[in-house]
N, C-alpha and C. Protein backbone atom coordinates (compact mmCIF):
# COMPACT_ATOMS: atom_id res chain seq x y z
N UNK A 1 49.36 86.71 54.08
CA UNK A 1 49.85 85.49 54.67
C UNK A 1 49.23 85.33 56.06
N UNK A 2 48.70 84.20 56.34
CA UNK A 2 48.09 83.95 57.64
C UNK A 2 49.14 83.55 58.65
N UNK A 3 48.83 83.86 59.89
CA UNK A 3 49.73 83.49 60.97
C UNK A 3 49.69 81.98 61.18
N UNK A 4 50.82 81.42 61.55
CA UNK A 4 50.90 79.97 61.76
C UNK A 4 50.39 79.57 63.14
N UNK A 5 50.27 80.54 64.05
CA UNK A 5 49.77 80.23 65.37
C UNK A 5 48.25 80.33 65.38
N UNK A 6 47.63 79.47 66.11
CA UNK A 6 46.18 79.44 66.19
C UNK A 6 45.76 79.87 67.58
N UNK A 7 44.93 80.89 67.64
CA UNK A 7 44.41 81.35 68.92
C UNK A 7 42.94 80.96 69.00
N UNK A 8 42.61 80.21 70.02
CA UNK A 8 41.24 79.75 70.18
C UNK A 8 40.71 80.23 71.51
N UNK A 9 39.45 80.56 71.50
CA UNK A 9 38.75 80.97 72.72
C UNK A 9 37.66 79.94 72.96
N UNK A 10 37.63 79.40 74.16
CA UNK A 10 36.64 78.38 74.47
C UNK A 10 35.34 79.04 74.94
N UNK A 11 34.29 78.27 74.94
CA UNK A 11 33.00 78.78 75.39
C UNK A 11 33.03 79.11 76.88
N UNK A 12 33.84 78.38 77.62
CA UNK A 12 33.99 78.67 79.06
C UNK A 12 34.62 80.03 79.27
N UNK A 13 35.63 80.37 78.48
CA UNK A 13 36.25 81.69 78.61
C UNK A 13 35.27 82.80 78.25
N UNK A 14 34.50 82.61 77.20
CA UNK A 14 33.51 83.62 76.81
C UNK A 14 32.49 83.80 77.92
N UNK A 15 32.04 82.69 78.50
CA UNK A 15 31.07 82.76 79.59
C UNK A 15 31.65 83.49 80.80
N UNK A 16 32.90 83.19 81.16
CA UNK A 16 33.54 83.86 82.30
C UNK A 16 33.68 85.35 82.05
N UNK A 17 34.09 85.75 80.84
CA UNK A 17 34.22 87.17 80.52
C UNK A 17 32.86 87.87 80.59
N UNK A 18 31.83 87.24 80.03
CA UNK A 18 30.50 87.85 80.02
C UNK A 18 29.98 88.03 81.44
N UNK A 19 30.14 87.01 82.27
CA UNK A 19 29.66 87.10 83.66
C UNK A 19 30.45 88.16 84.43
N UNK A 20 31.76 88.22 84.23
CA UNK A 20 32.55 89.22 84.97
C UNK A 20 32.21 90.64 84.53
N UNK A 21 32.02 90.86 83.21
CA UNK A 21 31.65 92.19 82.74
C UNK A 21 30.27 92.59 83.24
N UNK A 22 29.31 91.68 83.16
CA UNK A 22 27.97 92.00 83.64
C UNK A 22 27.94 92.21 85.15
N UNK A 23 28.70 91.39 85.87
CA UNK A 23 28.74 91.53 87.33
C UNK A 23 29.36 92.86 87.73
N UNK A 24 30.40 93.26 87.01
CA UNK A 24 31.04 94.54 87.29
C UNK A 24 30.12 95.70 86.97
N UNK A 25 29.39 95.60 85.87
CA UNK A 25 28.54 96.70 85.45
C UNK A 25 27.23 96.79 86.22
N UNK A 26 26.59 95.66 86.45
CA UNK A 26 25.29 95.67 87.12
C UNK A 26 25.40 95.78 88.63
N UNK A 27 26.50 95.33 89.18
CA UNK A 27 26.76 95.41 90.62
C UNK A 27 25.66 94.71 91.42
N UNK A 28 25.32 93.49 91.00
CA UNK A 28 24.33 92.71 91.72
C UNK A 28 24.92 92.21 93.04
N UNK A 29 24.09 92.16 94.05
CA UNK A 29 24.50 91.63 95.35
C UNK A 29 24.05 90.17 95.45
N UNK A 30 24.76 89.42 96.28
CA UNK A 30 24.35 88.03 96.53
C UNK A 30 23.02 88.03 97.27
N UNK A 31 22.16 87.11 96.90
CA UNK A 31 20.82 87.04 97.48
C UNK A 31 20.65 85.69 98.17
N UNK A 32 21.57 85.38 99.06
CA UNK A 32 21.53 84.10 99.75
C UNK A 32 22.73 83.26 99.36
N UNK A 33 22.89 82.12 100.03
CA UNK A 33 24.06 81.28 99.79
C UNK A 33 23.96 80.52 98.47
N UNK A 34 22.75 80.25 98.02
CA UNK A 34 22.58 79.49 96.79
C UNK A 34 22.34 80.40 95.58
N UNK A 35 21.85 81.60 95.84
CA UNK A 35 21.48 82.51 94.77
C UNK A 35 22.47 83.68 94.73
N UNK A 36 23.73 83.37 94.40
CA UNK A 36 24.76 84.42 94.33
C UNK A 36 24.61 85.19 93.01
N UNK A 37 25.33 86.30 92.93
CA UNK A 37 25.26 87.14 91.72
C UNK A 37 25.76 86.38 90.49
N UNK A 38 26.80 85.59 90.65
CA UNK A 38 27.35 84.84 89.53
C UNK A 38 26.35 83.78 89.05
N UNK A 39 25.68 83.12 89.98
CA UNK A 39 24.69 82.10 89.61
C UNK A 39 23.52 82.75 88.88
N UNK A 40 23.05 83.89 89.38
CA UNK A 40 21.91 84.58 88.75
C UNK A 40 22.28 85.01 87.33
N UNK A 41 23.47 85.59 87.16
CA UNK A 41 23.88 86.01 85.82
C UNK A 41 24.09 84.82 84.90
N UNK A 42 24.59 83.71 85.42
CA UNK A 42 24.75 82.51 84.61
C UNK A 42 23.40 81.98 84.13
N UNK A 43 22.41 82.01 84.99
CA UNK A 43 21.07 81.55 84.61
C UNK A 43 20.47 82.48 83.55
N UNK A 44 20.65 83.79 83.73
CA UNK A 44 20.12 84.75 82.75
C UNK A 44 20.82 84.57 81.40
N UNK A 45 22.14 84.38 81.41
CA UNK A 45 22.86 84.15 80.16
C UNK A 45 22.44 82.84 79.50
N UNK A 46 22.21 81.81 80.30
CA UNK A 46 21.76 80.53 79.74
C UNK A 46 20.39 80.67 79.10
N UNK A 47 19.49 81.40 79.77
CA UNK A 47 18.15 81.61 79.22
C UNK A 47 18.23 82.41 77.92
N UNK A 48 19.13 83.39 77.88
CA UNK A 48 19.27 84.20 76.66
C UNK A 48 19.88 83.37 75.53
N UNK A 49 20.87 82.55 75.84
CA UNK A 49 21.52 81.75 74.81
C UNK A 49 20.60 80.68 74.24
N UNK A 50 19.76 80.11 75.07
CA UNK A 50 18.86 79.05 74.63
C UNK A 50 17.50 79.58 74.19
N UNK A 51 17.32 80.90 74.29
CA UNK A 51 16.03 81.55 74.00
C UNK A 51 14.89 80.84 74.70
N UNK A 52 15.07 80.67 76.00
CA UNK A 52 14.03 80.05 76.81
C UNK A 52 13.78 80.94 78.03
N UNK A 53 12.84 80.57 78.83
CA UNK A 53 12.51 81.36 80.02
C UNK A 53 13.49 81.07 81.15
N UNK A 54 13.47 81.93 82.14
CA UNK A 54 14.32 81.71 83.32
C UNK A 54 13.86 80.46 84.06
N UNK A 55 12.57 80.21 84.05
CA UNK A 55 12.03 79.00 84.66
C UNK A 55 12.64 77.76 84.02
N UNK A 56 12.69 77.72 82.69
CA UNK A 56 13.26 76.56 81.98
C UNK A 56 14.76 76.46 82.22
N UNK A 57 15.46 77.60 82.28
CA UNK A 57 16.90 77.58 82.54
C UNK A 57 17.19 77.05 83.94
N UNK A 58 16.37 77.40 84.92
CA UNK A 58 16.55 76.87 86.29
C UNK A 58 16.27 75.39 86.35
N UNK A 59 15.29 74.91 85.60
CA UNK A 59 14.98 73.48 85.57
C UNK A 59 16.10 72.68 84.93
N UNK A 60 16.78 73.27 83.91
CA UNK A 60 17.84 72.56 83.21
C UNK A 60 19.07 72.34 84.09
N UNK A 61 19.35 73.28 84.97
CA UNK A 61 20.55 73.20 85.79
C UNK A 61 20.26 72.41 87.06
N UNK A 62 21.21 71.60 87.43
CA UNK A 62 20.99 70.64 88.52
C UNK A 62 20.88 71.29 89.89
N UNK A 63 21.83 72.15 90.24
CA UNK A 63 21.85 72.75 91.59
C UNK A 63 21.46 74.22 91.55
N UNK A 64 20.63 74.59 90.61
CA UNK A 64 20.23 75.99 90.47
C UNK A 64 19.14 76.33 91.49
N UNK A 65 19.07 77.59 91.88
CA UNK A 65 17.97 78.00 92.76
C UNK A 65 16.65 78.01 91.97
N UNK A 66 15.57 78.20 92.66
CA UNK A 66 14.27 78.23 91.98
C UNK A 66 14.14 79.49 91.15
N UNK A 67 13.22 79.45 90.20
CA UNK A 67 13.04 80.62 89.35
C UNK A 67 12.54 81.83 90.15
N UNK A 68 11.76 81.60 91.17
CA UNK A 68 11.27 82.71 92.00
C UNK A 68 12.42 83.38 92.75
N UNK A 69 13.39 82.59 93.21
CA UNK A 69 14.56 83.17 93.89
C UNK A 69 15.38 84.02 92.92
N UNK A 70 15.51 83.57 91.68
CA UNK A 70 16.23 84.35 90.68
C UNK A 70 15.49 85.65 90.38
N UNK A 71 14.16 85.57 90.24
CA UNK A 71 13.37 86.79 90.00
C UNK A 71 13.48 87.76 91.18
N UNK A 72 13.47 87.24 92.40
CA UNK A 72 13.62 88.10 93.58
C UNK A 72 14.99 88.76 93.60
N UNK A 73 16.03 88.01 93.27
CA UNK A 73 17.38 88.57 93.26
C UNK A 73 17.51 89.65 92.19
N UNK A 74 16.93 89.40 91.01
CA UNK A 74 16.97 90.41 89.95
C UNK A 74 16.15 91.64 90.32
N UNK A 75 15.00 91.41 90.95
CA UNK A 75 14.15 92.54 91.36
C UNK A 75 14.80 93.41 92.42
N UNK A 76 15.53 92.78 93.34
CA UNK A 76 16.20 93.54 94.40
C UNK A 76 17.50 94.18 93.93
N UNK A 77 18.17 93.54 92.97
CA UNK A 77 19.50 94.01 92.60
C UNK A 77 19.56 94.96 91.42
N UNK A 78 18.60 94.86 90.50
CA UNK A 78 18.64 95.72 89.32
C UNK A 78 18.06 97.10 89.64
N UNK A 79 18.50 98.12 88.91
CA UNK A 79 17.94 99.46 89.12
C UNK A 79 16.46 99.49 88.78
N UNK A 80 15.76 100.44 89.36
CA UNK A 80 14.31 100.50 89.17
C UNK A 80 13.91 101.12 87.84
N UNK A 81 14.76 101.99 87.26
CA UNK A 81 14.41 102.61 85.99
C UNK A 81 15.21 101.99 84.85
N UNK A 82 14.61 101.97 83.69
CA UNK A 82 15.24 101.38 82.51
C UNK A 82 16.45 102.20 82.07
N UNK A 83 16.39 103.50 82.22
CA UNK A 83 17.49 104.37 81.79
C UNK A 83 18.77 104.07 82.56
N UNK A 84 18.67 103.89 83.87
CA UNK A 84 19.84 103.57 84.69
C UNK A 84 20.38 102.19 84.34
N UNK A 85 19.49 101.23 84.11
CA UNK A 85 19.91 99.89 83.73
C UNK A 85 20.65 99.90 82.39
N UNK A 86 20.12 100.62 81.40
CA UNK A 86 20.78 100.71 80.11
C UNK A 86 22.15 101.37 80.23
N UNK A 87 22.25 102.38 81.06
CA UNK A 87 23.54 103.07 81.25
C UNK A 87 24.57 102.13 81.86
N UNK A 88 24.17 101.37 82.88
CA UNK A 88 25.10 100.42 83.51
C UNK A 88 25.52 99.33 82.53
N UNK A 89 24.57 98.79 81.78
CA UNK A 89 24.90 97.74 80.82
C UNK A 89 25.82 98.26 79.73
N UNK A 90 25.57 99.47 79.26
CA UNK A 90 26.41 100.05 78.22
C UNK A 90 27.84 100.24 78.72
N UNK A 91 27.98 100.73 79.95
CA UNK A 91 29.31 100.92 80.51
C UNK A 91 30.01 99.59 80.73
N UNK A 92 29.24 98.57 81.12
CA UNK A 92 29.85 97.26 81.38
C UNK A 92 30.32 96.59 80.09
N UNK A 93 29.57 96.76 79.02
CA UNK A 93 29.86 96.02 77.80
C UNK A 93 30.74 96.77 76.82
N UNK A 94 30.94 98.07 77.00
CA UNK A 94 31.77 98.80 76.05
C UNK A 94 33.22 98.85 76.47
N UNK A 95 33.57 98.32 77.57
CA UNK A 95 34.98 98.27 77.94
C UNK A 95 35.27 98.93 79.27
N UNK A 96 36.53 98.95 79.60
CA UNK A 96 36.97 99.51 80.86
C UNK A 96 37.06 101.02 80.73
N UNK A 97 36.28 101.73 81.51
CA UNK A 97 36.23 103.18 81.42
C UNK A 97 37.02 103.86 82.53
N UNK A 98 37.64 103.09 83.40
CA UNK A 98 38.34 103.69 84.54
C UNK A 98 39.49 104.57 84.06
N UNK A 99 40.12 104.21 82.97
CA UNK A 99 41.30 104.95 82.53
C UNK A 99 40.92 106.33 82.00
N UNK A 100 39.71 106.48 81.49
CA UNK A 100 39.29 107.79 80.99
C UNK A 100 39.11 108.80 82.11
N UNK A 101 38.94 108.34 83.33
CA UNK A 101 38.77 109.26 84.46
C UNK A 101 40.10 109.65 85.09
N UNK A 102 41.19 109.07 84.63
CA UNK A 102 42.50 109.33 85.22
C UNK A 102 43.07 110.65 84.71
N UNK A 103 43.97 111.23 85.52
CA UNK A 103 44.68 112.45 85.13
C UNK A 103 45.83 112.06 84.21
N UNK A 104 46.55 113.08 83.72
CA UNK A 104 47.68 112.86 82.83
C UNK A 104 48.76 112.06 83.56
N UNK A 105 49.31 111.06 82.89
CA UNK A 105 50.38 110.27 83.48
C UNK A 105 50.39 108.84 82.96
N UNK A 106 51.26 108.04 83.57
CA UNK A 106 51.40 106.63 83.21
C UNK A 106 50.73 105.77 84.27
N UNK A 107 50.00 104.75 83.83
CA UNK A 107 49.32 103.84 84.74
C UNK A 107 49.58 102.42 84.27
N UNK A 108 49.64 101.51 85.23
CA UNK A 108 49.83 100.11 84.87
C UNK A 108 48.50 99.39 85.03
N UNK A 109 48.22 98.50 84.10
CA UNK A 109 46.95 97.77 84.11
C UNK A 109 47.23 96.32 83.74
N UNK A 110 46.55 95.40 84.42
CA UNK A 110 46.71 93.97 84.15
C UNK A 110 45.39 93.42 83.65
N UNK A 111 45.42 92.80 82.48
CA UNK A 111 44.27 92.13 81.92
C UNK A 111 44.34 90.66 82.29
N UNK A 112 43.26 90.13 82.86
CA UNK A 112 43.27 88.74 83.31
C UNK A 112 42.13 87.98 82.66
N UNK A 113 42.41 86.74 82.33
CA UNK A 113 41.41 85.83 81.81
C UNK A 113 41.80 84.43 82.23
N UNK A 114 41.14 83.94 83.23
CA UNK A 114 41.48 82.61 83.74
C UNK A 114 42.89 82.60 84.29
N UNK A 115 43.76 81.76 83.75
CA UNK A 115 45.15 81.68 84.20
C UNK A 115 46.05 82.61 83.42
N UNK A 116 45.55 83.19 82.33
CA UNK A 116 46.38 84.06 81.50
C UNK A 116 46.25 85.50 81.98
N UNK A 117 47.34 86.24 81.89
CA UNK A 117 47.29 87.65 82.21
C UNK A 117 48.36 88.39 81.42
N UNK A 118 48.08 89.65 81.15
CA UNK A 118 49.01 90.50 80.42
C UNK A 118 49.04 91.86 81.10
N UNK A 119 50.23 92.36 81.38
CA UNK A 119 50.38 93.68 81.99
C UNK A 119 50.78 94.68 80.92
N UNK A 120 50.17 95.84 80.97
CA UNK A 120 50.52 96.87 80.01
C UNK A 120 50.58 98.21 80.70
N UNK A 121 51.30 99.14 80.08
CA UNK A 121 51.40 100.50 80.57
C UNK A 121 50.49 101.38 79.72
N UNK A 122 49.71 102.21 80.39
CA UNK A 122 48.78 103.09 79.70
C UNK A 122 49.21 104.53 79.97
N UNK A 123 49.34 105.31 78.91
CA UNK A 123 49.70 106.72 79.02
C UNK A 123 48.46 107.56 78.71
N UNK A 124 48.15 108.48 79.62
CA UNK A 124 47.05 109.40 79.41
C UNK A 124 47.65 110.76 79.12
N UNK A 125 47.24 111.39 78.02
CA UNK A 125 47.77 112.70 77.64
C UNK A 125 46.64 113.52 77.02
N UNK A 126 46.89 114.81 76.84
CA UNK A 126 45.94 115.70 76.20
C UNK A 126 46.60 116.40 75.02
N UNK A 127 45.80 116.80 74.08
CA UNK A 127 46.27 117.69 73.03
C UNK A 127 45.21 118.75 72.83
N UNK A 128 45.67 119.96 72.52
CA UNK A 128 44.73 121.04 72.22
C UNK A 128 44.89 121.41 70.75
N UNK A 129 43.80 121.77 70.15
CA UNK A 129 43.82 122.16 68.74
C UNK A 129 42.67 123.11 68.46
N UNK A 130 42.77 123.80 67.34
CA UNK A 130 41.68 124.66 66.90
C UNK A 130 40.74 123.86 66.02
N UNK A 131 39.46 124.01 66.29
CA UNK A 131 38.47 123.36 65.45
C UNK A 131 38.46 124.05 64.10
N UNK A 132 38.49 123.27 63.03
CA UNK A 132 38.66 123.88 61.70
C UNK A 132 37.42 124.63 61.22
N UNK A 133 36.24 124.30 61.73
CA UNK A 133 35.03 125.00 61.28
C UNK A 133 34.73 126.26 62.07
N UNK A 134 34.75 126.14 63.40
CA UNK A 134 34.39 127.31 64.20
C UNK A 134 35.60 128.05 64.79
N UNK A 135 36.80 127.49 64.69
CA UNK A 135 38.00 128.17 65.16
C UNK A 135 38.19 128.17 66.67
N UNK A 136 37.33 127.48 67.42
CA UNK A 136 37.46 127.44 68.87
C UNK A 136 38.51 126.43 69.27
N UNK A 137 39.11 126.68 70.43
CA UNK A 137 40.10 125.77 70.99
C UNK A 137 39.39 124.56 71.56
N UNK A 138 39.86 123.38 71.22
CA UNK A 138 39.29 122.12 71.72
C UNK A 138 40.39 121.34 72.41
N UNK A 139 39.97 120.51 73.37
CA UNK A 139 40.92 119.67 74.07
C UNK A 139 40.48 118.22 73.89
N UNK A 140 41.44 117.36 73.60
CA UNK A 140 41.16 115.96 73.33
C UNK A 140 42.04 115.09 74.22
N UNK A 141 41.43 114.08 74.84
CA UNK A 141 42.19 113.15 75.67
C UNK A 141 42.73 112.03 74.80
N UNK A 142 44.01 111.72 74.98
CA UNK A 142 44.66 110.67 74.20
C UNK A 142 45.06 109.54 75.13
N UNK A 143 44.87 108.32 74.68
CA UNK A 143 45.25 107.14 75.44
C UNK A 143 46.20 106.31 74.59
N UNK A 144 47.34 105.95 75.18
CA UNK A 144 48.32 105.10 74.51
C UNK A 144 48.59 103.90 75.40
N UNK A 145 48.73 102.75 74.80
CA UNK A 145 49.04 101.55 75.55
C UNK A 145 50.26 100.86 74.97
N UNK A 146 51.07 100.31 75.84
CA UNK A 146 52.26 99.58 75.38
C UNK A 146 52.63 98.50 76.37
N UNK A 147 53.26 97.46 75.89
CA UNK A 147 53.74 96.40 76.74
C UNK A 147 55.13 95.98 76.29
N UNK A 148 55.84 95.42 77.24
CA UNK A 148 57.22 94.98 77.01
C UNK A 148 58.10 96.12 76.51
N UNK A 149 57.88 97.32 77.04
CA UNK A 149 58.68 98.48 76.66
C UNK A 149 59.49 98.91 77.86
N UNK A 150 60.78 99.01 77.71
CA UNK A 150 61.66 99.43 78.80
C UNK A 150 62.01 100.89 78.65
N UNK A 151 62.34 101.52 79.75
CA UNK A 151 62.75 102.93 79.71
C UNK A 151 61.64 103.84 80.20
N UNK A 152 61.96 105.11 80.36
CA UNK A 152 60.99 106.07 80.85
C UNK A 152 60.43 106.88 79.68
N UNK A 153 59.26 107.44 79.83
CA UNK A 153 58.63 108.17 78.74
C UNK A 153 59.34 109.47 78.44
């Protein structure tokens, strides 16, 4: 049975999420008042979506900086090696990794998208077990999330 409620995501929301994830992962700096990190990432995403060059994407947008300014901002802001760039992009696009670095305990996290937001509690725990093939002790990190739950753990 299908749900009677319809959840729709607009293209604007997808664009905002993509820009925020890329901005968080790549850590680009603003390169002038007109060539900010958000503008540069928007131009790059537009060029990728339309399968055109950055030059064509800059021409299409009315108040966009020149293509040379975008190339300069990317050249100054992106890492010099491909390996570091791939690592940053992978971390940015695979999700929030901050919780995996936390110690055992309960943490509160708020997910935001435009005007909508949801708060949830995240529990970090460990379990130890014996590996069934080699018999060595292994430790595994466990993450649990819950919302609208009252009471203490």
